[in-house]
C-alpha atoms as a PDB file:
ATOM      1  CA  UNK A   1     144.362 132.396 126.920  1.00  0.00           C
ATOM      2  CA  UNK A   2     140.967 132.043 124.684  1.00  0.00           C
ATOM      3  CA  UNK A   3     138.291 134.032 126.590  1.00  0.00           C
ATOM      4  CA  UNK A   4     135.045 135.527 125.694  1.00  0.00           C
ATOM      5  CA  UNK A   5     132.546 138.059 127.298  1.00  0.00           C
ATOM      6  CA  UNK A   6     128.945 138.495 126.820  1.00  0.00           C
ATOM      7  CA  UNK A   7     125.734 141.161 127.059  1.00  0.00           C
ATOM      8  CA  UNK A   8     123.270 139.961 128.565  1.00  0.00           C
ATOM      9  CA  UNK A   9     120.832 142.467 127.827  1.00  0.00           C
ATOM     10  CA  UNK A  10     117.694 140.652 130.395  1.00  0.00           C
ATOM     11  CA  UNK A  11     119.823 141.821 133.855  1.00  0.00           C
ATOM     12  CA  UNK A  12     122.143 144.946 132.224  1.00  0.00           C
ATOM     13  CA  UNK A  13     125.713 142.585 132.488  1.00  0.00           C
ATOM     14  CA  UNK A  14     128.319 141.779 131.311  1.00  0.00           C
ATOM     15  CA  UNK A  15     129.257 137.811 131.355  1.00  0.00           C
ATOM     16  CA  UNK A  16     133.041 136.379 131.050  1.00  0.00           C
ATOM     17  CA  UNK A  17     134.056 132.896 129.621  1.00  0.00           C
ATOM     18  CA  UNK A  18     136.514 132.827 132.713  1.00  0.00           C
ATOM     19  CA  UNK A  19     133.842 132.808 135.810  1.00  0.00           C
ATOM     20  CA  UNK A  20     130.908 131.507 133.994  1.00  0.00           C
ATOM     21  CA  UNK A  21     130.545 127.932 132.603  1.00  0.00           C
ATOM     22  CA  UNK A  22     128.096 128.807 130.336  1.00  0.00           C
ATOM     23  CA  UNK A  23     129.665 129.313 127.588  1.00  0.00           C
ATOM     24  CA  UNK A  24     129.629 126.137 124.402  1.00  0.00           C
ATOM     25  CA  UNK A  25     130.048 125.877 121.006  1.00  0.00           C
ATOM     26  CA  UNK A  26     127.100 124.244 119.739  1.00  0.00           C
ATOM     27  CA  UNK A  27     126.437 120.733 117.055  1.00  0.00           C
ATOM     28  CA  UNK A  28     127.157 122.846 114.244  1.00  0.00           C
ATOM     29  CA  UNK A  29     130.332 124.750 115.523  1.00  0.00           C
ATOM     30  CA  UNK A  30     128.658 127.838 116.617  1.00  0.00           C
ATOM     31  CA  UNK A  31     129.709 129.472 120.289  1.00  0.00           C
ATOM     32  CA  UNK A  32     126.359 130.367 122.785  1.00  0.00           C
ATOM     33  CA  UNK A  33     125.482 131.095 125.931  1.00  0.00           C
ATOM     34  CA  UNK A  34     123.430 129.049 127.991  1.00  0.00           C
ATOM     35  CA  UNK A  35     121.568 131.376 131.002  1.00  0.00           C
ATOM     36  CA  UNK A  36     119.937 130.881 133.578  1.00  0.00           C
ATOM     37  CA  UNK A  37     116.853 134.270 133.803  1.00  0.00           C
ATOM     38  CA  UNK A  38     117.640 135.460 137.320  1.00  0.00           C
ATOM     39  CA  UNK A  39     113.944 135.218 139.105  1.00  0.00           C
ATOM     40  CA  UNK A  40     114.038 135.322 142.757  1.00  0.00           C
ATOM     41  CA  UNK A  41     110.934 132.613 142.577  1.00  0.00           C
ATOM     42  CA  UNK A  42     113.046 129.778 141.102  1.00  0.00           C
ATOM     43  CA  UNK A  43     109.948 129.138 139.178  1.00  0.00           C
ATOM     44  CA  UNK A  44     111.654 130.239 135.999  1.00  0.00           C
ATOM     45  CA  UNK A  45     112.414 127.460 133.703  1.00  0.00           C
ATOM     46  CA  UNK A  46     116.339 127.149 132.362  1.00  0.00           C
ATOM     47  CA  UNK A  47     116.410 129.396 128.603  1.00  0.00           C
ATOM     48  CA  UNK A  48     119.215 129.275 125.484  1.00  0.00           C
ATOM     49  CA  UNK A  49     119.167 132.874 124.218  1.00  0.00           C
ATOM     50  CA  UNK A  50     121.620 133.479 121.214  1.00  0.00           C
ATOM     51  CA  UNK A  51     123.924 136.344 123.368  1.00  0.00           C
ATOM     52  CA  UNK A  52     126.496 139.017 121.593  1.00  0.00           C
ATOM     53  CA  UNK A  53     129.454 137.055 122.126  1.00  0.00           C
ATOM     54  CA  UNK A  54     132.919 138.818 121.827  1.00  0.00           C
ATOM     55  CA  UNK A  55     136.182 138.117 122.111  1.00  0.00           C
ATOM     56  CA  UNK A  56     139.313 138.052 124.276  1.00  0.00           C
ATOM     57  CA  UNK A  57     141.931 139.818 122.049  1.00  0.00           C
ATOM     58  CA  UNK A  58     144.838 138.792 123.791  1.00  0.00           C
ATOM     59  CA  UNK A  59     145.680 142.206 125.011  1.00  0.00           C
ATOM     60  CA  UNK A  60     145.086 144.298 127.639  1.00  0.00           C
ATOM     61  CA  UNK A  61     145.255 148.096 128.156  1.00  0.00           C
ATOM     62  CA  UNK A  62     147.846 150.605 130.127  1.00  0.00           C
ATOM     63  CA  UNK A  63     145.850 149.822 133.666  1.00  0.00           C
ATOM     64  CA  UNK A  64     146.008 145.977 132.643  1.00  0.00           C
ATOM     65  CA  UNK A  65     142.274 145.204 131.810  1.00  0.00           C
ATOM     66  CA  UNK A  66     141.789 142.991 128.721  1.00  0.00           C
ATOM     67  CA  UNK A  67     140.566 144.033 125.218  1.00  0.00           C
ATOM     68  CA  UNK A  68     137.966 142.969 124.798  1.00  0.00           C
ATOM     69  CA  UNK A  69     135.951 143.237 121.215  1.00  0.00           C
ATOM     70  CA  UNK A  70     133.755 145.180 121.052  1.00  0.00           C
ATOM     71  CA  UNK A  71     135.900 147.996 124.377  1.00  0.00           C
ATOM     72  CA  UNK A  72     135.659 151.379 122.609  1.00  0.00           C
ATOM     73  CA  UNK A  73     139.549 152.727 123.309  1.00  0.00           C
ATOM     74  CA  UNK A  74     141.860 155.372 123.201  1.00  0.00           C
ATOM     75  CA  UNK A  75     145.042 156.014 122.059  1.00  0.00           C
ATOM     76  CA  UNK A  76     147.659 156.550 124.872  1.00  0.00           C
ATOM     77  CA  UNK A  77     150.785 158.178 124.412  1.00  0.00           C
ATOM     78  CA  UNK A  78     153.104 158.674 127.454  1.00  0.00           C
ATOM     79  CA  UNK A  79     150.737 157.356 129.737  1.00  0.00           C
ATOM     80  CA  UNK A  80     148.504 160.454 128.592  1.00  0.00           C
ATOM     81  CA  UNK A  81     145.408 160.309 126.129  1.00  0.00           C
ATOM     82  CA  UNK A  82     146.422 161.249 123.012  1.00  0.00           C
ATOM     83  CA  UNK A  83     145.077 165.218 122.686  1.00  0.00           C
ATOM     84  CA  UNK A  84     142.092 164.988 121.041  1.00  0.00           C
ATOM     85  CA  UNK A  85     140.309 162.613 121.729  1.00  0.00           C
ATOM     86  CA  UNK A  86     139.719 160.262 118.963  1.00  0.00           C
ATOM     87  CA  UNK A  87     137.160 156.988 119.989  1.00  0.00           C
ATOM     88  CA  UNK A  88     138.015 153.085 118.378  1.00  0.00           C
ATOM     89  CA  UNK A  89     136.189 149.792 118.367  1.00  0.00           C
ATOM     90  CA  UNK A  90     137.628 147.743 118.982  1.00  0.00           C
ATOM     91  CA  UNK A  91     136.747 144.686 116.026  1.00  0.00           C
ATOM     92  CA  UNK A  92     138.575 141.586 114.309  1.00  0.00           C
ATOM     93  CA  UNK A  93     139.167 142.045 111.015  1.00  0.00           C
ATOM     94  CA  UNK A  94     138.831 140.800 107.244  1.00  0.00           C
ATOM     95  CA  UNK A  95     142.711 140.474 107.020  1.00  0.00           C
ATOM     96  CA  UNK A  96     142.549 138.323 109.960  1.00  0.00           C
ATOM     97  CA  UNK A  97     143.621 140.799 112.784  1.00  0.00           C
ATOM     98  CA  UNK A  98     142.320 142.850 115.238  1.00  0.00           C
ATOM     99  CA  UNK A  99     141.504 146.746 114.343  1.00  0.00           C
ATOM    100  CA  UNK A 100     140.781 148.870 116.224  1.00  0.00           C
ATOM    101  CA  UNK A 101     138.434 151.044 113.833  1.00  0.00           C
ATOM    102  CA  UNK A 102     136.924 154.983 113.887  1.00  0.00           C
ATOM    103  CA  UNK A 103     134.101 156.167 110.862  1.00  0.00           C
ATOM    104  CA  UNK A 104     135.607 158.586 110.652  1.00  0.00           C
ATOM    105  CA  UNK A 105     139.510 158.453 110.671  1.00  0.00           C
ATOM    106  CA  UNK A 106     139.514 154.250 109.133  1.00  0.00           C
ATOM    107  CA  UNK A 107     141.244 151.414 110.615  1.00  0.00           C
ATOM    108  CA  UNK A 108     145.072 150.846 112.641  1.00  0.00           C
ATOM    109  CA  UNK A 109     146.409 147.387 113.889  1.00  0.00           C
ATOM    110  CA  UNK A 110     145.777 148.151 117.944  1.00  0.00           C
ATOM    111  CA  UNK A 111     149.316 146.046 118.286  1.00  0.00           C
ATOM    112  CA  UNK A 112     150.710 149.462 117.843  1.00  0.00           C
ATOM    113  CA  UNK A 113     150.103 152.257 120.115  1.00  0.00           C
ATOM    114  CA  UNK A 114     148.521 151.961 123.783  1.00  0.00           C
ATOM    115  CA  UNK A 115     144.957 152.021 124.286  1.00  0.00           C
ATOM    116  CA  UNK A 116     142.857 152.845 127.218  1.00  0.00           C
ATOM    117  CA  UNK A 117     139.843 150.911 126.849  1.00  0.00           C
ATOM    118  CA  UNK A 118     136.632 152.960 128.690  1.00  0.00           C
ATOM    119  CA  UNK A 119     133.903 151.888 127.728  1.00  0.00           C
ATOM    120  CA  UNK A 120     131.930 148.992 125.125  1.00  0.00           C
ATOM    121  CA  UNK A 121     129.376 149.283 122.447  1.00  0.00           C
ATOM    122  CA  UNK A 122     127.076 148.587 124.874  1.00  0.00           C
ATOM    123  CA  UNK A 123     126.605 150.923 127.674  1.00  0.00           C
ATOM    124  CA  UNK A 124     128.661 154.314 125.044  1.00  0.00           C
ATOM    125  CA  UNK A 125     126.173 152.941 121.471  1.00  0.00           C
END
């Protein structure tokens, strides 16, 4: 299933495509999110805003949580995080596959290990 999410920095929340009909592809073929700002008065006009759109990888972590582009993950061995905690960021690689990247340790194919999502790049910079 193709799913997306976007970080809404204005409202400090993650918005998911499977719970919001606000993701569209424009006439140039670019995926974007259409938003309506939260305002109690209801007088604020609708707006279009560019968000960082992150795609679902098609995988779930050891806790049955969807793994998205931009998630921060740990390698899990036998249900327990690896002895040396190493945080990796999930991203799409230039070689057309999902990888987990750590600037000091390089990257690996996320299909090769059990992972646990612990955060994402918006909450844990």
